[in-house]
Amino acid sequence: QVQLVESGGGLAQPGGSLKLSCAVSGSLVRMYTMGWYRQAPGKQRELVASITSGGRRNFADSVKGRFAISRDNAKNTVYLQMNSLKPEDTAIYYCNCMNFWGQGTQVTVSS
């Protein structure tokens, strides 16, 4: 059974930073494409960033240049570093591996 547990969400001011973590058990992060998605109220869930087993990264246009995705194979954890946060980044952020999802972590960007 694959389990994903997100952490690191919270309240940030516009222009601030947060770093999300996704701890994975039951699978190896280095073997699969890992993704971060988000869902804002009233909107569909959207891909924010992903990293393939080969290390190729993909970002939504709205976060390019501001967000970074990385993984620590030893800790079996994937990270999402979010910089220059904007109010429109407010959403629940979910970690994904294959067809498995974490429970989500709330990110709120507000002054």
PDB file of N, CA and C in Angstrom:
ATOM      1  N   GLN A   1       0.848  -1.191   0.000  1.00  0.00           N
ATOM      2  CA  GLN A   1       0.000   0.000   0.000  1.00  0.00           C
ATOM      3  C   GLN A   1       0.884   1.241   0.000  1.00  0.00           C
ATOM      4  N   VAL A   2       0.653   2.096  -0.954  1.00  0.00           N
ATOM      5  CA  VAL A   2       1.411   3.340  -1.050  1.00  0.00           C
ATOM      6  C   VAL A   2       0.711   4.404  -0.223  1.00  0.00           C
ATOM      7  N   GLN A   3       1.478   5.069   0.612  1.00  0.00           N
ATOM      8  CA  GLN A   3       0.932   6.173   1.406  1.00  0.00           C
ATOM      9  C   GLN A   3       1.782   7.415   1.205  1.00  0.00           C
ATOM     10  N   LEU A   4       1.112   8.540   1.068  1.00  0.00           N
ATOM     11  CA  LEU A   4       1.778   9.822   0.898  1.00  0.00           C
ATOM     12  C   LEU A   4       1.269  10.771   1.976  1.00  0.00           C
ATOM     13  N   VAL A   5       2.175  11.409   2.662  1.00  0.00           N
ATOM     14  CA  VAL A   5       1.802  12.319   3.742  1.00  0.00           C
ATOM     15  C   VAL A   5       2.455  13.669   3.492  1.00  0.00           C
ATOM     16  N   GLU A   6       1.613  14.676   3.241  1.00  0.00           N
ATOM     17  CA  GLU A   6       2.112  16.027   3.013  1.00  0.00           C
ATOM     18  C   GLU A   6       2.238  16.789   4.318  1.00  0.00           C
ATOM     19  N   SER A   7       3.154  17.734   4.327  1.00  0.00           N
ATOM     20  CA  SER A   7       3.310  18.638   5.455  1.00  0.00           C
ATOM     21  C   SER A   7       3.950  19.926   4.961  1.00  0.00           C
ATOM     22  N   GLY A   8       3.918  20.942   5.811  1.00  0.00           N
ATOM     23  CA  GLY A   8       4.591  22.187   5.487  1.00  0.00           C
ATOM     24  C   GLY A   8       3.690  23.314   5.041  1.00  0.00           C
ATOM     25  N   GLY A   9       2.409  23.047   4.913  1.00  0.00           N
ATOM     26  CA  GLY A   9       1.500  24.112   4.536  1.00  0.00           C
ATOM     27  C   GLY A   9       1.291  25.094   5.678  1.00  0.00           C
ATOM     28  N   GLY A  10       0.579  26.164   5.367  1.00  0.00           N
ATOM     29  CA  GLY A  10       0.300  27.167   6.385  1.00  0.00           C
ATOM     30  C   GLY A  10      -0.025  28.497   5.760  1.00  0.00           C
ATOM     31  N   LEU A  11       0.139  29.536   6.561  1.00  0.00           N
ATOM     32  CA  LEU A  11      -0.154  30.896   6.137  1.00  0.00           C
ATOM     33  C   LEU A  11       1.144  31.613   5.782  1.00  0.00           C
ATOM     34  N   ALA A  12       1.160  32.241   4.625  1.00  0.00           N
ATOM     35  CA  ALA A  12       2.319  33.021   4.207  1.00  0.00           C
ATOM     36  C   ALA A  12       1.844  34.359   3.669  1.00  0.00           C
ATOM     37  N   GLN A  13       2.690  35.351   3.785  1.00  0.00           N
ATOM     38  CA  GLN A  13       2.380  36.661   3.222  1.00  0.00           C
ATOM     39  C   GLN A  13       2.748  36.683   1.751  1.00  0.00           C
ATOM     40  N   PRO A  14       2.102  37.517   0.980  1.00  0.00           N
ATOM     41  CA  PRO A  14       2.509  37.670  -0.423  1.00  0.00           C
ATOM     42  C   PRO A  14       3.997  37.992  -0.505  1.00  0.00           C
ATOM     43  N   GLY A  15       4.676  37.308  -1.420  1.00  0.00           N
ATOM     44  CA  GLY A  15       6.116  37.459  -1.539  1.00  0.00           C
ATOM     45  C   GLY A  15       6.909  36.527  -0.660  1.00  0.00           C
ATOM     46  N   GLY A  16       6.223  35.819   0.216  1.00  0.00           N
ATOM     47  CA  GLY A  16       6.894  34.904   1.129  1.00  0.00           C
ATOM     48  C   GLY A  16       7.157  33.541   0.520  1.00  0.00           C
ATOM     49  N   SER A  17       7.633  32.647   1.370  1.00  0.00           N
ATOM     50  CA  SER A  17       8.005  31.305   0.916  1.00  0.00           C
ATOM     51  C   SER A  17       7.454  30.247   1.862  1.00  0.00           C
ATOM     52  N   LEU A  18       7.214  29.086   1.298  1.00  0.00           N
ATOM     53  CA  LEU A  18       6.881  27.892   2.055  1.00  0.00           C
ATOM     54  C   LEU A  18       7.533  26.705   1.365  1.00  0.00           C
ATOM     55  N   LYS A  19       7.820  25.672   2.144  1.00  0.00           N
ATOM     56  CA  LYS A  19       8.358  24.444   1.572  1.00  0.00           C
ATOM     57  C   LYS A  19       7.476  23.284   2.010  1.00  0.00           C
ATOM     58  N   LEU A  20       6.887  22.628   1.043  1.00  0.00           N
ATOM     59  CA  LEU A  20       6.050  21.463   1.301  1.00  0.00           C
ATOM     60  C   LEU A  20       6.874  20.191   1.184  1.00  0.00           C
ATOM     61  N   SER A  21       6.509  19.221   2.010  1.00  0.00           N
ATOM     62  CA  SER A  21       7.157  17.911   1.971  1.00  0.00           C
ATOM     63  C   SER A  21       6.111  16.838   1.747  1.00  0.00           C
ATOM     64  N   CYS A  22       6.518  15.789   1.063  1.00  0.00           N
ATOM     65  CA  CYS A  22       5.647  14.640   0.835  1.00  0.00           C
ATOM     66  C   CYS A  22       6.458  13.387   1.157  1.00  0.00           C
ATOM     67  N   ALA A  23       6.168  12.808   2.303  1.00  0.00           N
ATOM     68  CA  ALA A  23       6.841  11.581   2.718  1.00  0.00           C
ATOM     69  C   ALA A  23       6.085  10.386   2.153  1.00  0.00           C
ATOM     70  N   VAL A  24       6.811   9.500   1.487  1.00  0.00           N
ATOM     71  CA  VAL A  24       6.198   8.374   0.779  1.00  0.00           C
ATOM     72  C   VAL A  24       6.600   7.057   1.423  1.00  0.00           C
ATOM     73  N   SER A  25       5.632   6.189   1.599  1.00  0.00           N
ATOM     74  CA  SER A  25       5.916   4.824   2.050  1.00  0.00           C
ATOM     75  C   SER A  25       5.240   3.841   1.103  1.00  0.00           C
ATOM     76  N   GLY A  26       5.822   2.665   0.965  1.00  0.00           N
ATOM     77  CA  GLY A  26       5.251   1.659   0.095  1.00  0.00           C
ATOM     78  C   GLY A  26       5.665   1.779  -1.352  1.00  0.00           C
ATOM     79  N   SER A  27       6.473   2.765  -1.657  1.00  0.00           N
ATOM     80  CA  SER A  27       6.974   2.937  -3.015  1.00  0.00           C
ATOM     81  C   SER A  27       8.259   3.746  -2.924  1.00  0.00           C
ATOM     82  N   LEU A  28       9.001   3.803  -3.984  1.00  0.00           N
ATOM     83  CA  LEU A  28      10.235   4.558  -4.006  1.00  0.00           C
ATOM     84  C   LEU A  28      10.093   5.767  -4.914  1.00  0.00           C
ATOM     85  N   VAL A  29      10.367   6.945  -4.354  1.00  0.00           N
ATOM     86  CA  VAL A  29      10.137   8.166  -5.125  1.00  0.00           C
ATOM     87  C   VAL A  29      11.018   8.229  -6.363  1.00  0.00           C
ATOM     88  N   ARG A  30      12.155   7.530  -6.328  1.00  0.00           N
ATOM     89  CA  ARG A  30      13.066   7.628  -7.465  1.00  0.00           C
ATOM     90  C   ARG A  30      12.575   6.802  -8.654  1.00  0.00           C
ATOM     91  N   MET A  31      11.609   5.932  -8.440  1.00  0.00           N
ATOM     92  CA  MET A  31      11.189   5.016  -9.501  1.00  0.00           C
ATOM     93  C   MET A  31      10.013   5.528 -10.320  1.00  0.00           C
ATOM     94  N   TYR A  32       9.307   6.517  -9.802  1.00  0.00           N
ATOM     95  CA  TYR A  32       8.087   6.967 -10.456  1.00  0.00           C
ATOM     96  C   TYR A  32       8.053   8.485 -10.597  1.00  0.00           C
ATOM     97  N   THR A  33       7.216   8.930 -11.498  1.00  0.00           N
ATOM     98  CA  THR A  33       6.953  10.365 -11.585  1.00  0.00           C
ATOM     99  C   THR A  33       6.162  10.787 -10.349  1.00  0.00           C
ATOM    100  N   MET A  34       6.664  11.800  -9.681  1.00  0.00           N
ATOM    101  CA  MET A  34       6.002  12.349  -8.512  1.00  0.00           C
ATOM    102  C   MET A  34       5.469  13.731  -8.873  1.00  0.00           C
ATOM    103  N   GLY A  35       4.275  14.025  -8.419  1.00  0.00           N
ATOM    104  CA  GLY A  35       3.685  15.303  -8.768  1.00  0.00           C
ATOM    105  C   GLY A  35       3.083  16.024  -7.583  1.00  0.00           C
ATOM    106  N   TRP A  36       3.063  17.327  -7.693  1.00  0.00           N
ATOM    107  CA  TRP A  36       2.325  18.188  -6.763  1.00  0.00           C
ATOM    108  C   TRP A  36       1.178  18.826  -7.540  1.00  0.00           C
ATOM    109  N   TYR A  37       0.001  18.715  -6.970  1.00  0.00           N
ATOM    110  CA  TYR A  37      -1.207  19.310  -7.548  1.00  0.00           C
ATOM    111  C   TYR A  37      -1.803  20.256  -6.524  1.00  0.00           C
ATOM    112  N   ARG A  38      -2.695  21.111  -6.976  1.00  0.00           N
ATOM    113  CA  ARG A  38      -3.409  21.986  -6.048  1.00  0.00           C
ATOM    114  C   ARG A  38      -4.843  22.171  -6.506  1.00  0.00           C
ATOM    115  N   GLN A  39      -5.681  22.459  -5.537  1.00  0.00           N
ATOM    116  CA  GLN A  39      -7.087  22.714  -5.827  1.00  0.00           C
ATOM    117  C   GLN A  39      -7.567  23.873  -4.991  1.00  0.00           C
ATOM    118  N   ALA A  40      -7.935  24.928  -5.677  1.00  0.00           N
ATOM    119  CA  ALA A  40      -8.479  26.108  -5.015  1.00  0.00           C
ATOM    120  C   ALA A  40      -9.998  25.970  -4.935  1.00  0.00           C
ATOM    121  N   PRO A  41     -10.633  26.680  -4.006  1.00  0.00           N
ATOM    122  CA  PRO A  41     -12.095  26.584  -3.878  1.00  0.00           C
ATOM    123  C   PRO A  41     -12.803  26.909  -5.191  1.00  0.00           C
ATOM    124  N   GLY A  42     -13.696  26.023  -5.590  1.00  0.00           N
ATOM    125  CA  GLY A  42     -14.463  26.241  -6.802  1.00  0.00           C
ATOM    126  C   GLY A  42     -13.729  25.959  -8.095  1.00  0.00           C
ATOM    127  N   LYS A  43     -12.503  25.451  -7.979  1.00  0.00           N
ATOM    128  CA  LYS A  43     -11.718  25.183  -9.186  1.00  0.00           C
ATOM    129  C   LYS A  43     -11.326  23.711  -9.249  1.00  0.00           C
ATOM    130  N   GLN A  44     -10.949  23.290 -10.446  1.00  0.00           N
ATOM    131  CA  GLN A  44     -10.497  21.913 -10.620  1.00  0.00           C
ATOM    132  C   GLN A  44      -9.067  21.744 -10.104  1.00  0.00           C
ATOM    133  N   ARG A  45      -8.752  20.520  -9.758  1.00  0.00           N
ATOM    134  CA  ARG A  45      -7.392  20.216  -9.340  1.00  0.00           C
ATOM    135  C   ARG A  45      -6.470  20.369 -10.551  1.00  0.00           C
ATOM    136  N   GLU A  46      -5.314  21.001 -10.322  1.00  0.00           N
ATOM    137  CA  GLU A  46      -4.390  21.237 -11.419  1.00  0.00           C
ATOM    138  C   GLU A  46      -2.977  20.825 -11.029  1.00  0.00           C
ATOM    139  N   LEU A  47      -2.216  20.420 -12.049  1.00  0.00           N
ATOM    140  CA  LEU A  47      -0.827  20.067 -11.818  1.00  0.00           C
ATOM    141  C   LEU A  47      -0.012  21.326 -11.577  1.00  0.00           C
ATOM    142  N   VAL A  48       0.791  21.303 -10.523  1.00  0.00           N
ATOM    143  CA  VAL A  48       1.683  22.412 -10.216  1.00  0.00           C
ATOM    144  C   VAL A  48       3.092  22.100 -10.702  1.00  0.00           C
ATOM    145  N   ALA A  49       3.583  20.925 -10.346  1.00  0.00           N
ATOM    146  CA  ALA A  49       4.948  20.543 -10.719  1.00  0.00           C
ATOM    147  C   ALA A  49       5.068  19.032 -10.643  1.00  0.00           C
ATOM    148  N   SER A  50       5.987  18.500 -11.440  1.00  0.00           N
ATOM    149  CA  SER A  50       6.248  17.064 -11.403  1.00  0.00           C
ATOM    150  C   SER A  50       7.728  16.816 -11.664  1.00  0.00           C
ATOM    151  N   ILE A  51       8.163  15.649 -11.217  1.00  0.00           N
ATOM    152  CA  ILE A  51       9.542  15.234 -11.448  1.00  0.00           C
ATOM    153  C   ILE A  51       9.522  13.754 -11.820  1.00  0.00           C
ATOM    154  N   THR A  52      10.169  13.420 -12.933  1.00  0.00           N
ATOM    155  CA  THR A  52      10.170  12.036 -13.398  1.00  0.00           C
ATOM    156  C   THR A  52      11.273  11.246 -12.704  1.00  0.00           C
ATOM    157  N   SER A  53      11.269   9.954 -12.926  1.00  0.00           N
ATOM    158  CA  SER A  53      12.316   9.118 -12.357  1.00  0.00           C
ATOM    159  C   SER A  53      13.690   9.519 -12.887  1.00  0.00           C
ATOM    160  N   GLY A  54      13.712  10.086 -14.080  1.00  0.00           N
ATOM    161  CA  GLY A  54      14.975  10.545 -14.661  1.00  0.00           C
ATOM    162  C   GLY A  54      15.369  11.945 -14.238  1.00  0.00           C
ATOM    163  N   GLY A  55      14.520  12.576 -13.443  1.00  0.00           N
ATOM    164  CA  GLY A  55      14.841  13.905 -12.937  1.00  0.00           C
ATOM    165  C   GLY A  55      14.301  15.054 -13.773  1.00  0.00           C
ATOM    166  N   ARG A  56      13.545  14.727 -14.819  1.00  0.00           N
ATOM    167  CA  ARG A  56      12.973  15.801 -15.639  1.00  0.00           C
ATOM    168  C   ARG A  56      11.853  16.478 -14.865  1.00  0.00           C
ATOM    169  N   ARG A  57      11.871  17.793 -14.866  1.00  0.00           N
ATOM    170  CA  ARG A  57      10.886  18.579 -14.130  1.00  0.00           C
ATOM    171  C   ARG A  57       9.929  19.295 -15.071  1.00  0.00           C
ATOM    172  N   ASN A  58       8.718  19.427 -14.607  1.00  0.00           N
ATOM    173  CA  ASN A  58       7.697  20.120 -15.380  1.00  0.00           C
ATOM    174  C   ASN A  58       6.929  21.021 -14.425  1.00  0.00           C
ATOM    175  N   PHE A  59       6.616  22.233 -14.893  1.00  0.00           N
ATOM    176  CA  PHE A  59       5.925  23.199 -14.040  1.00  0.00           C
ATOM    177  C   PHE A  59       4.753  23.824 -14.778  1.00  0.00           C
ATOM    178  N   ALA A  60       3.722  24.138 -14.030  1.00  0.00           N
ATOM    179  CA  ALA A  60       2.641  24.938 -14.584  1.00  0.00           C
ATOM    180  C   ALA A  60       3.182  26.322 -14.908  1.00  0.00           C
ATOM    181  N   ASP A  61       2.671  26.922 -15.952  1.00  0.00           N
ATOM    182  CA  ASP A  61       3.141  28.248 -16.357  1.00  0.00           C
ATOM    183  C   ASP A  61       3.018  29.256 -15.227  1.00  0.00           C
ATOM    184  N   SER A  62       1.988  29.112 -14.414  1.00  0.00           N
ATOM    185  CA  SER A  62       1.719  30.086 -13.356  1.00  0.00           C
ATOM    186  C   SER A  62       2.757  30.063 -12.240  1.00  0.00           C
ATOM    187  N   VAL A  63       3.562  29.004 -12.160  1.00  0.00           N
ATOM    188  CA  VAL A  63       4.532  28.910 -11.070  1.00  0.00           C
ATOM    189  C   VAL A  63       5.977  28.859 -11.562  1.00  0.00           C
ATOM    190  N   LYS A  64       6.174  28.861 -12.859  1.00  0.00           N
ATOM    191  CA  LYS A  64       7.537  28.795 -13.403  1.00  0.00           C
ATOM    192  C   LYS A  64       8.365  29.968 -12.896  1.00  0.00           C
ATOM    193  N   GLY A  65       9.574  29.641 -12.464  1.00  0.00           N
ATOM    194  CA  GLY A  65      10.473  30.662 -11.946  1.00  0.00           C
ATOM    195  C   GLY A  65      10.262  30.971 -10.481  1.00  0.00           C
ATOM    196  N   ARG A  66       9.183  30.462  -9.899  1.00  0.00           N
ATOM    197  CA  ARG A  66       8.893  30.717  -8.484  1.00  0.00           C
ATOM    198  C   ARG A  66       8.943  29.442  -7.645  1.00  0.00           C
ATOM    199  N   PHE A  67       8.528  28.338  -8.214  1.00  0.00           N
ATOM    200  CA  PHE A  67       8.470  27.072  -7.484  1.00  0.00           C
ATOM    201  C   PHE A  67       9.567  26.133  -7.977  1.00  0.00           C
ATOM    202  N   ALA A  68      10.003  25.252  -7.098  1.00  0.00           N
ATOM    203  CA  ALA A  68      10.977  24.223  -7.449  1.00  0.00           C
ATOM    204  C   ALA A  68      10.544  22.899  -6.841  1.00  0.00           C
ATOM    205  N   ILE A  69      10.759  21.826  -7.568  1.00  0.00           N
ATOM    206  CA  ILE A  69      10.443  20.489  -7.068  1.00  0.00           C
ATOM    207  C   ILE A  69      11.732  19.698  -6.974  1.00  0.00           C
ATOM    208  N   SER A  70      11.848  18.924  -5.902  1.00  0.00           N
ATOM    209  CA  SER A  70      13.041  18.105  -5.712  1.00  0.00           C
ATOM    210  C   SER A  70      12.662  16.852  -4.945  1.00  0.00           C
ATOM    211  N   ARG A  71      13.580  15.928  -4.888  1.00  0.00           N
ATOM    212  CA  ARG A  71      13.331  14.712  -4.106  1.00  0.00           C
ATOM    213  C   ARG A  71      14.609  14.306  -3.400  1.00  0.00           C
ATOM    214  N   ASP A  72      14.418  13.664  -2.266  1.00  0.00           N
ATOM    215  CA  ASP A  72      15.517  13.094  -1.491  1.00  0.00           C
ATOM    216  C   ASP A  72      15.292  11.586  -1.467  1.00  0.00           C
ATOM    217  N   ASN A  73      16.059  10.878  -2.272  1.00  0.00           N
ATOM    218  CA  ASN A  73      15.848   9.429  -2.376  1.00  0.00           C
ATOM    219  C   ASN A  73      16.119   8.710  -1.054  1.00  0.00           C
ATOM    220  N   ALA A  74      17.069   9.191  -0.298  1.00  0.00           N
ATOM    221  CA  ALA A  74      17.393   8.553   0.979  1.00  0.00           C
ATOM    222  C   ALA A  74      16.236   8.676   1.975  1.00  0.00           C
ATOM    223  N   LYS A  75      15.548   9.800   1.919  1.00  0.00           N
ATOM    224  CA  LYS A  75      14.413  10.019   2.819  1.00  0.00           C
ATOM    225  C   LYS A  75      13.088   9.620   2.168  1.00  0.00           C
ATOM    226  N   ASN A  76      13.143   9.232   0.885  1.00  0.00           N
ATOM    227  CA  ASN A  76      11.928   8.887   0.156  1.00  0.00           C
ATOM    228  C   ASN A  76      10.876   9.994   0.262  1.00  0.00           C
ATOM    229  N   THR A  77      11.335  11.193   0.032  1.00  0.00           N
ATOM    230  CA  THR A  77      10.503  12.378   0.226  1.00  0.00           C
ATOM    231  C   THR A  77      10.644  13.297  -0.986  1.00  0.00           C
ATOM    232  N   VAL A  78       9.536  13.907  -1.344  1.00  0.00           N
ATOM    233  CA  VAL A  78       9.514  14.889  -2.422  1.00  0.00           C
ATOM    234  C   VAL A  78       9.159  16.246  -1.823  1.00  0.00           C
ATOM    235  N   TYR A  79       9.772  17.291  -2.349  1.00  0.00           N
ATOM    236  CA  TYR A  79       9.581  18.635  -1.811  1.00  0.00           C
ATOM    237  C   TYR A  79       9.051  19.583  -2.889  1.00  0.00           C
ATOM    238  N   LEU A  80       8.349  20.592  -2.429  1.00  0.00           N
ATOM    239  CA  LEU A  80       7.940  21.685  -3.301  1.00  0.00           C
ATOM    240  C   LEU A  80       8.324  22.985  -2.600  1.00  0.00           C
ATOM    241  N   GLN A  81       9.347  23.641  -3.116  1.00  0.00           N
ATOM    242  CA  GLN A  81       9.769  24.933  -2.588  1.00  0.00           C
ATOM    243  C   GLN A  81       8.995  26.011  -3.327  1.00  0.00           C
ATOM    244  N   MET A  82       8.259  26.803  -2.568  1.00  0.00           N
ATOM    245  CA  MET A  82       7.415  27.842  -3.154  1.00  0.00           C
ATOM    246  C   MET A  82       7.919  29.205  -2.718  1.00  0.00           C
ATOM    247  N   ASN A  83       8.361  30.000  -3.666  1.00  0.00           N
ATOM    248  CA  ASN A  83       8.869  31.340  -3.400  1.00  0.00           C
ATOM    249  C   ASN A  83       7.985  32.379  -4.081  1.00  0.00           C
ATOM    250  N   SER A  84       8.153  33.605  -3.681  1.00  0.00           N
ATOM    251  CA  SER A  84       7.396  34.720  -4.265  1.00  0.00           C
ATOM    252  C   SER A  84       5.907  34.387  -4.329  1.00  0.00           C
ATOM    253  N   LEU A  85       5.394  33.921  -3.230  1.00  0.00           N
ATOM    254  CA  LEU A  85       4.003  33.466  -3.198  1.00  0.00           C
ATOM    255  C   LEU A  85       3.032  34.599  -3.488  1.00  0.00           C
ATOM    256  N   LYS A  86       1.936  34.223  -4.142  1.00  0.00           N
ATOM    257  CA  LYS A  86       0.887  35.168  -4.504  1.00  0.00           C
ATOM    258  C   LYS A  86      -0.438  34.708  -3.893  1.00  0.00           C
ATOM    259  N   PRO A  87      -1.370  35.596  -3.680  1.00  0.00           N
ATOM    260  CA  PRO A  87      -2.678  35.170  -3.151  1.00  0.00           C
ATOM    261  C   PRO A  87      -3.326  34.086  -4.005  1.00  0.00           C
ATOM    262  N   GLU A  88      -3.101  34.124  -5.293  1.00  0.00           N
ATOM    263  CA  GLU A  88      -3.693  33.112  -6.179  1.00  0.00           C
ATOM    264  C   GLU A  88      -3.056  31.733  -6.031  1.00  0.00           C
ATOM    265  N   ASP A  89      -2.001  31.629  -5.236  1.00  0.00           N
ATOM    266  CA  ASP A  89      -1.418  30.316  -4.928  1.00  0.00           C
ATOM    267  C   ASP A  89      -2.184  29.624  -3.795  1.00  0.00           C
ATOM    268  N   THR A  90      -3.111  30.326  -3.191  1.00  0.00           N
ATOM    269  CA  THR A  90      -3.904  29.746  -2.112  1.00  0.00           C
ATOM    270  C   THR A  90      -4.700  28.548  -2.616  1.00  0.00           C
ATOM    271  N   ALA A  91      -4.508  27.411  -1.961  1.00  0.00           N
ATOM    272  CA  ALA A  91      -5.164  26.171  -2.387  1.00  0.00           C
ATOM    273  C   ALA A  91      -4.776  25.054  -1.419  1.00  0.00           C
ATOM    274  N   ILE A  92      -5.430  23.935  -1.589  1.00  0.00           N
ATOM    275  CA  ILE A  92      -4.963  22.712  -0.935  1.00  0.00           C
ATOM    276  C   ILE A  92      -3.987  22.043  -1.900  1.00  0.00           C
ATOM    277  N   TYR A  93      -2.831  21.704  -1.411  1.00  0.00           N
ATOM    278  CA  TYR A  93      -1.790  21.104  -2.235  1.00  0.00           C
ATOM    279  C   TYR A  93      -1.716  19.605  -1.937  1.00  0.00           C
ATOM    280  N   TYR A  94      -1.697  18.817  -3.017  1.00  0.00           N
ATOM    281  CA  TYR A  94      -1.699  17.371  -2.903  1.00  0.00           C
ATOM    282  C   TYR A  94      -0.461  16.782  -3.570  1.00  0.00           C
ATOM    283  N   CYS A  95       0.043  15.738  -2.971  1.00  0.00           N
ATOM    284  CA  CYS A  95       1.143  14.977  -3.536  1.00  0.00           C
ATOM    285  C   CYS A  95       0.557  13.757  -4.257  1.00  0.00           C
ATOM    286  N   ASN A  96       1.177  13.403  -5.376  1.00  0.00           N
ATOM    287  CA  ASN A  96       0.661  12.294  -6.179  1.00  0.00           C
ATOM    288  C   ASN A  96       1.775  11.369  -6.639  1.00  0.00           C
ATOM    289  N   CYS A  97       1.481  10.065  -6.592  1.00  0.00           N
ATOM    290  CA  CYS A  97       2.368   9.050  -7.147  1.00  0.00           C
ATOM    291  C   CYS A  97       1.474   7.983  -7.774  1.00  0.00           C
ATOM    292  N   MET A  98       1.600   7.835  -9.072  1.00  0.00           N
ATOM    293  CA  MET A  98       0.720   6.912  -9.823  1.00  0.00           C
ATOM    294  C   MET A  98      -0.724   7.317  -9.544  1.00  0.00           C
ATOM    295  N   ASN A  99      -1.540   6.399  -9.029  1.00  0.00           N
ATOM    296  CA  ASN A  99      -2.927   6.765  -8.739  1.00  0.00           C
ATOM    297  C   ASN A  99      -3.158   6.936  -7.241  1.00  0.00           C
ATOM    298  N   PHE A 100      -2.091   7.231  -6.520  1.00  0.00           N
ATOM    299  CA  PHE A 100      -2.193   7.448  -5.082  1.00  0.00           C
ATOM    300  C   PHE A 100      -2.045   8.931  -4.758  1.00  0.00           C
ATOM    301  N   TRP A 101      -2.815   9.367  -3.754  1.00  0.00           N
ATOM    302  CA  TRP A 101      -2.830  10.767  -3.358  1.00  0.00           C
ATOM    303  C   TRP A 101      -2.639  10.896  -1.861  1.00  0.00           C
ATOM    304  N   GLY A 102      -2.026  11.992  -1.467  1.00  0.00           N
ATOM    305  CA  GLY A 102      -1.984  12.328  -0.063  1.00  0.00           C
ATOM    306  C   GLY A 102      -3.272  12.997   0.364  1.00  0.00           C
ATOM    307  N   GLN A 103      -3.323  13.367   1.631  1.00  0.00           N
ATOM    308  CA  GLN A 103      -4.540  13.973   2.178  1.00  0.00           C
ATOM    309  C   GLN A 103      -4.612  15.464   1.901  1.00  0.00           C
ATOM    310  N   GLY A 104      -3.517  16.039   1.490  1.00  0.00           N
ATOM    311  CA  GLY A 104      -3.482  17.459   1.163  1.00  0.00           C
ATOM    312  C   GLY A 104      -3.022  18.314   2.322  1.00  0.00           C
ATOM    313  N   THR A 105      -2.453  19.461   1.983  1.00  0.00           N
ATOM    314  CA  THR A 105      -2.042  20.439   2.989  1.00  0.00           C
ATOM    315  C   THR A 105      -2.450  21.821   2.498  1.00  0.00           C
ATOM    316  N   GLN A 106      -3.036  22.585   3.392  1.00  0.00           N
ATOM    317  CA  GLN A 106      -3.579  23.904   3.030  1.00  0.00           C
ATOM    318  C   GLN A 106      -2.462  24.945   2.962  1.00  0.00           C
ATOM    319  N   VAL A 107      -2.457  25.680   1.884  1.00  0.00           N
ATOM    320  CA  VAL A 107      -1.569  26.836   1.738  1.00  0.00           C
ATOM    321  C   VAL A 107      -2.435  28.068   1.546  1.00  0.00           C
ATOM    322  N   THR A 108      -2.231  29.051   2.404  1.00  0.00           N
ATOM    323  CA  THR A 108      -2.981  30.298   2.317  1.00  0.00           C
ATOM    324  C   THR A 108      -1.995  31.444   2.218  1.00  0.00           C
ATOM    325  N   VAL A 109      -2.158  32.247   1.186  1.00  0.00           N
ATOM    326  CA  VAL A 109      -1.282  33.405   0.981  1.00  0.00           C
ATOM    327  C   VAL A 109      -2.128  34.662   1.138  1.00  0.00           C
ATOM    328  N   SER A 110      -1.844  35.384   2.199  1.00  0.00           N
ATOM    329  CA  SER A 110      -2.667  36.548   2.519  1.00  0.00           C
ATOM    330  C   SER A 110      -1.891  37.487   3.424  1.00  0.00           C
ATOM    331  N   SER A 111      -2.167  38.779   3.282  1.00  0.00           N
ATOM    332  CA  SER A 111      -1.547  39.754   4.166  1.00  0.00           C
ATOM    333  C   SER A 111      -2.448  40.037   5.349  1.00  0.00           C
TER     334      SER A 111
END
